[in-house]
Amino acid sequence: MEADWEFEIGGNAPVIAARWPGFVDLRANPKRAGDLTEASRLPGLADALMRLNAMNSPVWTCKTDVFVPGRIDPDELDARGAEGSYAIACYVDLLIRSDQQRDFPFKVELTCRELCARLRDIPLRRCRVDLVVRRAHLEPDLNDLGVTVYLTACGQTESEATSRLAECLWAFSEAMVPAQQ
């Protein structure tokens, strides 16, 4: 699987808004992820959101969406020929749980590097994960760092690309929150 990360925290860079008007807090009841419109559009998204919002997760989610990217570079997804004919993507905004230690920028960088290394070891072609570290507004007077995770997959058909994105979501959520032994 392809994976990369970057900081995007200066000037007019996008900011993660935790309490936006359509916010659904999945921390109290992660199974509500299945009720989200986005989850009905992308198999596997509800399961990934449930895992990312579970009690043993170091993060929680505040926003997600599913979309068709305007253009992809098949090489960046390790796609050959017609495998890059159709693409689908989603993003998930992640924030650190309040009971976890607040990460300083160097700690966030280390975490992103380690996560990308784990993801690159997963033998899953035609998909990629991009982690973008951003400023996050948690409450009116509380700011922190968060990560927007972009997951993209492609295939010869819409169905094939969607299936690969579901596999990518599972692999990402497993790398973030490994199943308890």
C-alpha atoms as a PDB file:
ATOM      1  CA  MET A   1       0.000   0.000   0.000  1.00  0.00           C
ATOM      2  CA  GLU A   2       1.239   3.476  -0.798  1.00  0.00           C
ATOM      3  CA  ALA A   3       1.303   5.918   2.146  1.00  0.00           C
ATOM      4  CA  ASP A   4       2.650   9.401   2.809  1.00  0.00           C
ATOM      5  CA  TRP A   5       2.170  12.287   5.234  1.00  0.00           C
ATOM      6  CA  GLU A   6       2.664  16.054   5.445  1.00  0.00           C
ATOM      7  CA  PHE A   7       2.077  19.070   7.689  1.00  0.00           C
ATOM      8  CA  GLU A   8      -0.377  21.701   6.452  1.00  0.00           C
ATOM      9  CA  ILE A   9      -0.746  24.098   9.380  1.00  0.00           C
ATOM     10  CA  GLY A  10       0.287  27.538   8.178  1.00  0.00           C
ATOM     11  CA  GLY A  11      -1.555  30.601   6.981  1.00  0.00           C
ATOM     12  CA  ASN A  12      -4.732  29.778   5.087  1.00  0.00           C
ATOM     13  CA  ALA A  13      -4.409  25.995   5.359  1.00  0.00           C
ATOM     14  CA  PRO A  14      -7.663  24.137   6.034  1.00  0.00           C
ATOM     15  CA  VAL A  15      -8.567  23.621   9.689  1.00  0.00           C
ATOM     16  CA  ILE A  16     -10.418  20.642  11.186  1.00  0.00           C
ATOM     17  CA  ALA A  17     -13.583  21.852  12.900  1.00  0.00           C
ATOM     18  CA  ALA A  18     -14.620  19.262  15.477  1.00  0.00           C
ATOM     19  CA  ARG A  19     -18.066  20.609  16.278  1.00  0.00           C
ATOM     20  CA  TRP A  20     -19.488  21.399  12.849  1.00  0.00           C
ATOM     21  CA  PRO A  21     -23.313  21.638  12.386  1.00  0.00           C
ATOM     22  CA  GLY A  22     -23.769  18.020  11.155  1.00  0.00           C
ATOM     23  CA  PHE A  23     -21.391  16.478  13.704  1.00  0.00           C
ATOM     24  CA  VAL A  24     -22.352  13.034  15.031  1.00  0.00           C
ATOM     25  CA  ASP A  25     -20.317  12.035  18.103  1.00  0.00           C
ATOM     26  CA  LEU A  26     -19.474   8.366  17.568  1.00  0.00           C
ATOM     27  CA  ARG A  27     -17.396   8.054  20.746  1.00  0.00           C
ATOM     28  CA  ALA A  28     -20.444   7.386  22.923  1.00  0.00           C
ATOM     29  CA  ASN A  29     -21.996   4.938  20.453  1.00  0.00           C
ATOM     30  CA  PRO A  30     -19.641   3.895  17.602  1.00  0.00           C
ATOM     31  CA  LYS A  31     -22.376   1.707  16.054  1.00  0.00           C
ATOM     32  CA  ARG A  32     -24.133   4.901  14.947  1.00  0.00           C
ATOM     33  CA  ALA A  33     -21.517   4.987  12.174  1.00  0.00           C
ATOM     34  CA  GLY A  34     -23.833   2.741  10.172  1.00  0.00           C
ATOM     35  CA  ASP A  35     -26.462   5.513  10.220  1.00  0.00           C
ATOM     36  CA  LEU A  36     -24.213   7.991   8.400  1.00  0.00           C
ATOM     37  CA  THR A  37     -25.074   8.710   4.760  1.00  0.00           C
ATOM     38  CA  GLU A  38     -21.425   8.236   3.820  1.00  0.00           C
ATOM     39  CA  ALA A  39     -21.423   4.718   5.283  1.00  0.00           C
ATOM     40  CA  SER A  40     -24.251   3.714   2.956  1.00  0.00           C
ATOM     41  CA  ARG A  41     -22.186   4.930  -0.010  1.00  0.00           C
ATOM     42  CA  LEU A  42     -19.022   3.034   0.910  1.00  0.00           C
ATOM     43  CA  PRO A  43     -18.938  -0.516   2.279  1.00  0.00           C
ATOM     44  CA  GLY A  44     -16.407  -0.829   5.058  1.00  0.00           C
ATOM     45  CA  LEU A  45     -16.586   2.811   6.132  1.00  0.00           C
ATOM     46  CA  ALA A  46     -18.930   2.127   9.061  1.00  0.00           C
ATOM     47  CA  ASP A  47     -16.666  -0.674  10.338  1.00  0.00           C
ATOM     48  CA  ALA A  48     -13.585   1.562  10.087  1.00  0.00           C
ATOM     49  CA  LEU A  49     -15.372   4.409  11.898  1.00  0.00           C
ATOM     50  CA  MET A  50     -16.533   2.035  14.649  1.00  0.00           C
ATOM     51  CA  ARG A  51     -12.951   0.849  15.172  1.00  0.00           C
ATOM     52  CA  LEU A  52     -11.525   4.391  15.094  1.00  0.00           C
ATOM     53  CA  ASN A  53     -14.073   5.563  17.702  1.00  0.00           C
ATOM     54  CA  ALA A  54     -13.842   2.505  19.970  1.00  0.00           C
ATOM     55  CA  MET A  55     -12.775   2.894  23.602  1.00  0.00           C
ATOM     56  CA  ASN A  56      -9.321   1.386  22.905  1.00  0.00           C
ATOM     57  CA  SER A  57      -8.644   3.814  20.044  1.00  0.00           C
ATOM     58  CA  PRO A  58      -6.185   6.670  20.616  1.00  0.00           C
ATOM     59  CA  VAL A  59      -8.267   8.859  18.279  1.00  0.00           C
ATOM     60  CA  TRP A  60     -11.835   9.788  17.459  1.00  0.00           C
ATOM     61  CA  THR A  61     -13.439  10.958  14.233  1.00  0.00           C
ATOM     62  CA  CYS A  62     -15.333  14.168  13.651  1.00  0.00           C
ATOM     63  CA  LYS A  63     -16.024  14.210   9.919  1.00  0.00           C
ATOM     64  CA  THR A  64     -15.901  11.975   6.860  1.00  0.00           C
ATOM     65  CA  ASP A  65     -16.967  12.081   3.253  1.00  0.00           C
ATOM     66  CA  VAL A  66     -16.825   9.889   0.152  1.00  0.00           C
ATOM     67  CA  PHE A  67     -16.045  11.365  -3.277  1.00  0.00           C
ATOM     68  CA  VAL A  68     -14.748  10.678  -6.755  1.00  0.00           C
ATOM     69  CA  PRO A  69     -11.346  12.350  -7.112  1.00  0.00           C
ATOM     70  CA  GLY A  70     -10.958  14.681 -10.065  1.00  0.00           C
ATOM     71  CA  ARG A  71      -7.801  13.000 -11.312  1.00  0.00           C
ATOM     72  CA  ILE A  72      -5.429  10.342 -10.030  1.00  0.00           C
ATOM     73  CA  ASP A  73      -1.911   9.326 -10.960  1.00  0.00           C
ATOM     74  CA  PRO A  74      -2.110   5.532 -11.452  1.00  0.00           C
ATOM     75  CA  ASP A  75       1.602   5.236 -10.557  1.00  0.00           C
ATOM     76  CA  GLU A  76       0.905   6.695  -7.106  1.00  0.00           C
ATOM     77  CA  LEU A  77      -1.588   3.890  -6.502  1.00  0.00           C
ATOM     78  CA  ASP A  78       0.607   1.162  -8.047  1.00  0.00           C
ATOM     79  CA  ALA A  79      -2.019   0.624 -10.768  1.00  0.00           C
ATOM     80  CA  ARG A  80      -1.221  -0.787 -14.175  1.00  0.00           C
ATOM     81  CA  GLY A  81      -3.091  -0.093 -17.394  1.00  0.00           C
ATOM     82  CA  ALA A  82      -6.868  -0.222 -17.044  1.00  0.00           C
ATOM     83  CA  GLU A  83      -6.575  -0.738 -13.259  1.00  0.00           C
ATOM     84  CA  GLY A  84      -6.652   3.055 -12.946  1.00  0.00           C
ATOM     85  CA  SER A  85      -9.831   3.524 -14.999  1.00  0.00           C
ATOM     86  CA  TYR A  86     -12.072   4.378 -12.056  1.00  0.00           C
ATOM     87  CA  ALA A  87     -11.181   5.899  -8.683  1.00  0.00           C
ATOM     88  CA  ILE A  88     -13.012   6.529  -5.442  1.00  0.00           C
ATOM     89  CA  ALA A  89     -11.805   8.233  -2.293  1.00  0.00           C
ATOM     90  CA  CYS A  90     -12.826   9.233   1.183  1.00  0.00           C
ATOM     91  CA  TYR A  91     -11.426  11.301   3.980  1.00  0.00           C
ATOM     92  CA  VAL A  92     -11.713  10.996   7.729  1.00  0.00           C
ATOM     93  CA  ASP A  93     -10.793  13.758  10.184  1.00  0.00           C
ATOM     94  CA  LEU A  94      -9.058  12.284  13.258  1.00  0.00           C
ATOM     95  CA  LEU A  95      -8.516  13.952  16.617  1.00  0.00           C
ATOM     96  CA  ILE A  96      -6.628  12.733  19.665  1.00  0.00           C
ATOM     97  CA  ARG A  97      -8.804  11.497  22.523  1.00  0.00           C
ATOM     98  CA  SER A  98      -8.822  13.864  25.492  1.00  0.00           C
ATOM     99  CA  ASP A  99      -7.618  11.075  27.788  1.00  0.00           C
ATOM    100  CA  GLN A 100      -4.510  10.627  25.633  1.00  0.00           C
ATOM    101  CA  GLN A 101      -1.406  12.744  26.078  1.00  0.00           C
ATOM    102  CA  ARG A 102      -1.476  15.783  23.786  1.00  0.00           C
ATOM    103  CA  ASP A 103       1.027  15.345  20.999  1.00  0.00           C
ATOM    104  CA  PHE A 104       3.538  18.024  20.183  1.00  0.00           C
ATOM    105  CA  PRO A 105       4.368  18.542  16.489  1.00  0.00           C
ATOM    106  CA  PHE A 106       7.482  16.325  16.654  1.00  0.00           C
ATOM    107  CA  LYS A 107       5.427  13.511  18.235  1.00  0.00           C
ATOM    108  CA  VAL A 108       2.755  13.856  15.547  1.00  0.00           C
ATOM    109  CA  GLU A 109       5.482  13.644  12.910  1.00  0.00           C
ATOM    110  CA  LEU A 110       6.923  10.498  14.477  1.00  0.00           C
ATOM    111  CA  THR A 111       3.477   8.901  14.707  1.00  0.00           C
ATOM    112  CA  CYS A 112       2.754   9.701  11.041  1.00  0.00           C
ATOM    113  CA  ARG A 113       6.133   8.296   9.931  1.00  0.00           C
ATOM    114  CA  GLU A 114       5.590   5.072  11.892  1.00  0.00           C
ATOM    115  CA  LEU A 115       2.027   4.640  10.642  1.00  0.00           C
ATOM    116  CA  CYS A 116       3.080   5.193   7.008  1.00  0.00           C
ATOM    117  CA  ALA A 117       5.873   2.625   7.422  1.00  0.00           C
ATOM    118  CA  ARG A 118       3.357   0.056   8.726  1.00  0.00           C
ATOM    119  CA  LEU A 119       0.950   0.819   5.891  1.00  0.00           C
ATOM    120  CA  ARG A 120       3.682   0.500   3.231  1.00  0.00           C
ATOM    121  CA  ASP A 121       4.380  -3.020   4.514  1.00  0.00           C
ATOM    122  CA  ILE A 122       0.821  -4.098   3.664  1.00  0.00           C
ATOM    123  CA  PRO A 123       0.731  -5.831   0.250  1.00  0.00           C
ATOM    124  CA  LEU A 124      -2.301  -3.994  -1.124  1.00  0.00           C
ATOM    125  CA  ARG A 125      -1.987  -2.428  -4.572  1.00  0.00           C
ATOM    126  CA  ARG A 126      -4.235   0.171  -6.202  1.00  0.00           C
ATOM    127  CA  CYS A 127      -4.718   2.245  -3.079  1.00  0.00           C
ATOM    128  CA  ARG A 128      -2.975   4.861  -1.011  1.00  0.00           C
ATOM    129  CA  VAL A 129      -3.320   6.702   2.262  1.00  0.00           C
ATOM    130  CA  ASP A 130      -2.270  10.319   2.742  1.00  0.00           C
ATOM    131  CA  LEU A 131      -2.084  11.800   6.238  1.00  0.00           C
ATOM    132  CA  VAL A 132      -2.331  15.591   6.436  1.00  0.00           C
ATOM    133  CA  VAL A 133      -1.598  17.104   9.843  1.00  0.00           C
ATOM    134  CA  ARG A 134      -3.765  20.180  10.396  1.00  0.00           C
ATOM    135  CA  ARG A 135      -4.735  22.619  13.075  1.00  0.00           C
ATOM    136  CA  ALA A 136      -7.957  21.588  14.770  1.00  0.00           C
ATOM    137  CA  HIS A 137     -10.590  23.634  16.581  1.00  0.00           C
ATOM    138  CA  LEU A 138     -12.018  21.392  19.291  1.00  0.00           C
ATOM    139  CA  GLU A 139     -13.964  23.966  21.298  1.00  0.00           C
ATOM    140  CA  PRO A 140     -14.293  27.734  20.918  1.00  0.00           C
ATOM    141  CA  ASP A 141     -11.166  28.340  23.000  1.00  0.00           C
ATOM    142  CA  LEU A 142      -9.286  25.037  22.526  1.00  0.00           C
ATOM    143  CA  ASN A 143      -7.032  24.336  19.557  1.00  0.00           C
ATOM    144  CA  ASP A 144      -4.853  21.317  18.860  1.00  0.00           C
ATOM    145  CA  LEU A 145      -3.541  19.268  15.974  1.00  0.00           C
ATOM    146  CA  GLY A 146      -5.563  16.715  14.053  1.00  0.00           C
ATOM    147  CA  VAL A 147      -5.060  14.603  10.958  1.00  0.00           C
ATOM    148  CA  THR A 148      -7.149  14.448   7.819  1.00  0.00           C
ATOM    149  CA  VAL A 149      -6.681  10.991   6.352  1.00  0.00           C
ATOM    150  CA  TYR A 150      -7.304  10.683   2.621  1.00  0.00           C
ATOM    151  CA  LEU A 151      -7.807   7.132   1.350  1.00  0.00           C
ATOM    152  CA  THR A 152      -7.927   6.566  -2.417  1.00  0.00           C
ATOM    153  CA  ALA A 153      -8.361   3.402  -4.465  1.00  0.00           C
ATOM    154  CA  CYS A 154      -8.806   2.543  -8.117  1.00  0.00           C
ATOM    155  CA  GLY A 155      -9.872  -0.321 -10.332  1.00  0.00           C
ATOM    156  CA  GLN A 156     -11.126  -1.229 -13.781  1.00  0.00           C
ATOM    157  CA  THR A 157     -14.723  -0.706 -12.630  1.00  0.00           C
ATOM    158  CA  GLU A 158     -16.529   1.343  -9.992  1.00  0.00           C
ATOM    159  CA  SER A 159     -17.300  -1.842  -8.072  1.00  0.00           C
ATOM    160  CA  GLU A 160     -13.660  -2.959  -8.116  1.00  0.00           C
ATOM    161  CA  ALA A 161     -12.423   0.458  -6.943  1.00  0.00           C
ATOM    162  CA  THR A 162     -15.052   0.568  -4.171  1.00  0.00           C
ATOM    163  CA  SER A 163     -14.093  -2.908  -2.998  1.00  0.00           C
ATOM    164  CA  ARG A 164     -10.408  -1.957  -2.927  1.00  0.00           C
ATOM    165  CA  LEU A 165     -11.192   1.202  -0.939  1.00  0.00           C
ATOM    166  CA  ALA A 166     -13.075  -0.916   1.618  1.00  0.00           C
ATOM    167  CA  GLU A 167      -9.944  -3.103   1.959  1.00  0.00           C
ATOM    168  CA  CYS A 168      -7.811   0.025   2.312  1.00  0.00           C
ATOM    169  CA  LEU A 169     -10.095   1.358   5.069  1.00  0.00           C
ATOM    170  CA  TRP A 170      -9.888  -1.922   6.961  1.00  0.00           C
ATOM    171  CA  ALA A 171      -6.080  -2.001   6.673  1.00  0.00           C
ATOM    172  CA  PHE A 172      -5.799   1.622   7.822  1.00  0.00           C
ATOM    173  CA  SER A 173      -8.125   1.167  10.809  1.00  0.00           C
ATOM    174  CA  GLU A 174      -6.273  -2.028  11.781  1.00  0.00           C
ATOM    175  CA  ALA A 175      -2.943  -0.176  11.642  1.00  0.00           C
ATOM    176  CA  MET A 176      -4.395   2.609  13.828  1.00  0.00           C
ATOM    177  CA  VAL A 177      -6.283   0.416  16.294  1.00  0.00           C
ATOM    178  CA  PRO A 178      -5.069  -3.200  16.212  1.00  0.00           C
ATOM    179  CA  ALA A 179      -7.589  -5.844  17.222  1.00  0.00           C
ATOM    180  CA  GLN A 180      -7.253  -6.724  20.888  1.00  0.00           C
ATOM    181  CA  GLN A 181      -5.521 -10.000  21.559  1.00  0.00           C
END
